[in-house]
C-alpha atoms as a PDB file:
ATOM      1  CA  UNK A   1      42.338  45.994 -28.404  1.00  0.00           C
ATOM      2  CA  UNK A   2      39.105  47.986 -28.542  1.00  0.00           C
ATOM      3  CA  UNK A   3      36.529  47.451 -25.823  1.00  0.00           C
ATOM      4  CA  UNK A   4      33.494  45.520 -27.041  1.00  0.00           C
ATOM      5  CA  UNK A   5      30.072  47.016 -26.655  1.00  0.00           C
ATOM      6  CA  UNK A   6      27.275  45.166 -24.915  1.00  0.00           C
ATOM      7  CA  UNK A   7      25.069  42.981 -27.112  1.00  0.00           C
ATOM      8  CA  UNK A   8      21.351  42.633 -26.360  1.00  0.00           C
ATOM      9  CA  UNK A   9      20.107  39.145 -27.262  1.00  0.00           C
ATOM     10  CA  UNK A  10      16.416  38.208 -27.317  1.00  0.00           C
ATOM     11  CA  UNK A  11      15.269  34.600 -27.316  1.00  0.00           C
ATOM     12  CA  UNK A  12      11.782  34.115 -28.778  1.00  0.00           C
ATOM     13  CA  UNK A  13       9.884  30.920 -28.143  1.00  0.00           C
ATOM     14  CA  UNK A  14       6.548  30.098 -29.744  1.00  0.00           C
ATOM     15  CA  UNK A  15       4.318  27.877 -27.585  1.00  0.00           C
ATOM     16  CA  UNK A  16       7.279  26.899 -25.387  1.00  0.00           C
ATOM     17  CA  UNK A  17       8.574  24.667 -28.168  1.00  0.00           C
ATOM     18  CA  UNK A  18      12.021  24.395 -26.627  1.00  0.00           C
ATOM     19  CA  UNK A  19      13.564  25.040 -23.233  1.00  0.00           C
ATOM     20  CA  UNK A  20      15.232  28.415 -23.717  1.00  0.00           C
ATOM     21  CA  UNK A  21      17.342  27.844 -20.596  1.00  0.00           C
ATOM     22  CA  UNK A  22      19.522  25.575 -22.735  1.00  0.00           C
ATOM     23  CA  UNK A  23      20.035  28.320 -25.327  1.00  0.00           C
ATOM     24  CA  UNK A  24      20.668  30.905 -22.609  1.00  0.00           C
ATOM     25  CA  UNK A  25      23.262  28.670 -20.951  1.00  0.00           C
ATOM     26  CA  UNK A  26      25.037  28.167 -24.277  1.00  0.00           C
ATOM     27  CA  UNK A  27      25.111  31.916 -24.958  1.00  0.00           C
ATOM     28  CA  UNK A  28      26.430  32.661 -21.479  1.00  0.00           C
ATOM     29  CA  UNK A  29      29.206  30.104 -21.965  1.00  0.00           C
ATOM     30  CA  UNK A  30      30.122  31.717 -25.297  1.00  0.00           C
ATOM     31  CA  UNK A  31      30.007  35.119 -23.610  1.00  0.00           C
ATOM     32  CA  UNK A  32      32.333  33.992 -20.839  1.00  0.00           C
ATOM     33  CA  UNK A  33      34.762  32.326 -23.235  1.00  0.00           C
ATOM     34  CA  UNK A  34      34.914  35.187 -25.729  1.00  0.00           C
ATOM     35  CA  UNK A  35      34.063  38.224 -23.580  1.00  0.00           C
ATOM     36  CA  UNK A  36      31.113  39.331 -25.699  1.00  0.00           C
ATOM     37  CA  UNK A  37      29.304  41.196 -22.896  1.00  0.00           C
ATOM     38  CA  UNK A  38      25.820  39.978 -23.785  1.00  0.00           C
ATOM     39  CA  UNK A  39      22.570  40.419 -21.931  1.00  0.00           C
ATOM     40  CA  UNK A  40      19.731  37.998 -22.590  1.00  0.00           C
ATOM     41  CA  UNK A  41      15.966  38.447 -22.488  1.00  0.00           C
ATOM     42  CA  UNK A  42      13.449  35.671 -23.109  1.00  0.00           C
ATOM     43  CA  UNK A  43      10.039  36.188 -24.656  1.00  0.00           C
ATOM     44  CA  UNK A  44       7.571  33.298 -24.750  1.00  0.00           C
ATOM     45  CA  UNK A  45       4.389  33.752 -26.733  1.00  0.00           C
ATOM     46  CA  UNK A  46       1.453  31.759 -28.074  1.00  0.00           C
ATOM     47  CA  UNK A  47       1.031  31.196 -31.791  1.00  0.00           C
ATOM     48  CA  UNK A  48      -2.291  33.059 -31.746  1.00  0.00           C
ATOM     49  CA  UNK A  49      -0.530  36.195 -30.447  1.00  0.00           C
ATOM     50  CA  UNK A  50       2.173  36.253 -33.132  1.00  0.00           C
ATOM     51  CA  UNK A  51       0.586  39.164 -35.043  1.00  0.00           C
ATOM     52  CA  UNK A  52       0.540  41.255 -31.850  1.00  0.00           C
ATOM     53  CA  UNK A  53       4.174  40.358 -31.142  1.00  0.00           C
ATOM     54  CA  UNK A  54       5.246  41.238 -34.707  1.00  0.00           C
ATOM     55  CA  UNK A  55       3.306  44.475 -35.018  1.00  0.00           C
ATOM     56  CA  UNK A  56       3.488  45.972 -31.519  1.00  0.00           C
ATOM     57  CA  UNK A  57       6.135  44.321 -29.360  1.00  0.00           C
ATOM     58  CA  UNK A  58       9.153  43.564 -31.566  1.00  0.00           C
ATOM     59  CA  UNK A  59       9.334  47.035 -33.177  1.00  0.00           C
ATOM     60  CA  UNK A  60       9.670  48.561 -29.690  1.00  0.00           C
ATOM     61  CA  UNK A  61      12.528  46.319 -28.556  1.00  0.00           C
ATOM     62  CA  UNK A  62      16.195  47.217 -28.677  1.00  0.00           C
ATOM     63  CA  UNK A  63      18.177  44.139 -29.712  1.00  0.00           C
ATOM     64  CA  UNK A  64      21.323  43.198 -31.555  1.00  0.00           C
ATOM     65  CA  UNK A  65      20.656  39.480 -31.962  1.00  0.00           C
ATOM     66  CA  UNK A  66      17.498  37.375 -31.945  1.00  0.00           C
ATOM     67  CA  UNK A  67      16.956  33.643 -31.727  1.00  0.00           C
ATOM     68  CA  UNK A  68      13.521  32.334 -32.643  1.00  0.00           C
ATOM     69  CA  UNK A  69      12.416  28.806 -31.762  1.00  0.00           C
ATOM     70  CA  UNK A  70       9.629  27.348 -33.924  1.00  0.00           C
ATOM     71  CA  UNK A  71       7.559  24.222 -34.450  1.00  0.00           C
ATOM     72  CA  UNK A  72       9.417  22.428 -37.220  1.00  0.00           C
ATOM     73  CA  UNK A  73       7.061  19.629 -38.132  1.00  0.00           C
ATOM     74  CA  UNK A  74       6.743  20.972 -41.662  1.00  0.00           C
ATOM     75  CA  UNK A  75       8.830  19.659 -44.536  1.00  0.00           C
ATOM     76  CA  UNK A  76      10.420  23.099 -44.852  1.00  0.00           C
ATOM     77  CA  UNK A  77      10.101  26.577 -43.386  1.00  0.00           C
ATOM     78  CA  UNK A  78       9.774  29.324 -45.986  1.00  0.00           C
ATOM     79  CA  UNK A  79      10.578  32.161 -43.610  1.00  0.00           C
ATOM     80  CA  UNK A  80      13.006  33.992 -45.857  1.00  0.00           C
ATOM     81  CA  UNK A  81      11.418  33.597 -49.279  1.00  0.00           C
ATOM     82  CA  UNK A  82      10.199  36.704 -51.098  1.00  0.00           C
ATOM     83  CA  UNK A  83       6.592  35.566 -51.370  1.00  0.00           C
ATOM     84  CA  UNK A  84       6.336  34.130 -47.856  1.00  0.00           C
ATOM     85  CA  UNK A  85       3.873  36.226 -45.902  1.00  0.00           C
ATOM     86  CA  UNK A  86       2.248  33.740 -43.614  1.00  0.00           C
ATOM     87  CA  UNK A  87       3.178  31.822 -40.521  1.00  0.00           C
ATOM     88  CA  UNK A  88       6.645  32.270 -39.126  1.00  0.00           C
ATOM     89  CA  UNK A  89       7.727  34.530 -42.004  1.00  0.00           C
ATOM     90  CA  UNK A  90       6.036  37.450 -40.230  1.00  0.00           C
ATOM     91  CA  UNK A  91       8.122  37.138 -37.096  1.00  0.00           C
ATOM     92  CA  UNK A  92      11.268  36.443 -39.101  1.00  0.00           C
ATOM     93  CA  UNK A  93      10.789  39.687 -41.029  1.00  0.00           C
ATOM     94  CA  UNK A  94       9.973  41.671 -37.874  1.00  0.00           C
ATOM     95  CA  UNK A  95      13.138  40.391 -36.178  1.00  0.00           C
ATOM     96  CA  UNK A  96      15.237  41.004 -39.277  1.00  0.00           C
ATOM     97  CA  UNK A  97      13.975  44.598 -39.430  1.00  0.00           C
ATOM     98  CA  UNK A  98      14.816  45.302 -35.786  1.00  0.00           C
ATOM     99  CA  UNK A  99      18.231  43.621 -35.762  1.00  0.00           C
ATOM    100  CA  UNK A 100      19.276  44.916 -39.176  1.00  0.00           C
END
């Protein structure tokens, strides 16, 4: 069996919406069970700094997987629609670009 390469996972949290420790614990349990060799970084940011995160921080990061926690009080999130260019769509697109 081929040796698995290390996977860099970033956890993004807008306005500390959710306790990322829970997500990190889950990922570490999956890693231990399946031998995925993951390393995890957490990045908390404020909603008013999202443009800075999308334009200057995310493009500089090396990551294989990203998890993004959002406020979900809306009836739907249009993050992956073609004409969505506001709100969380910006960070979704930045993360999609970096992770491929």
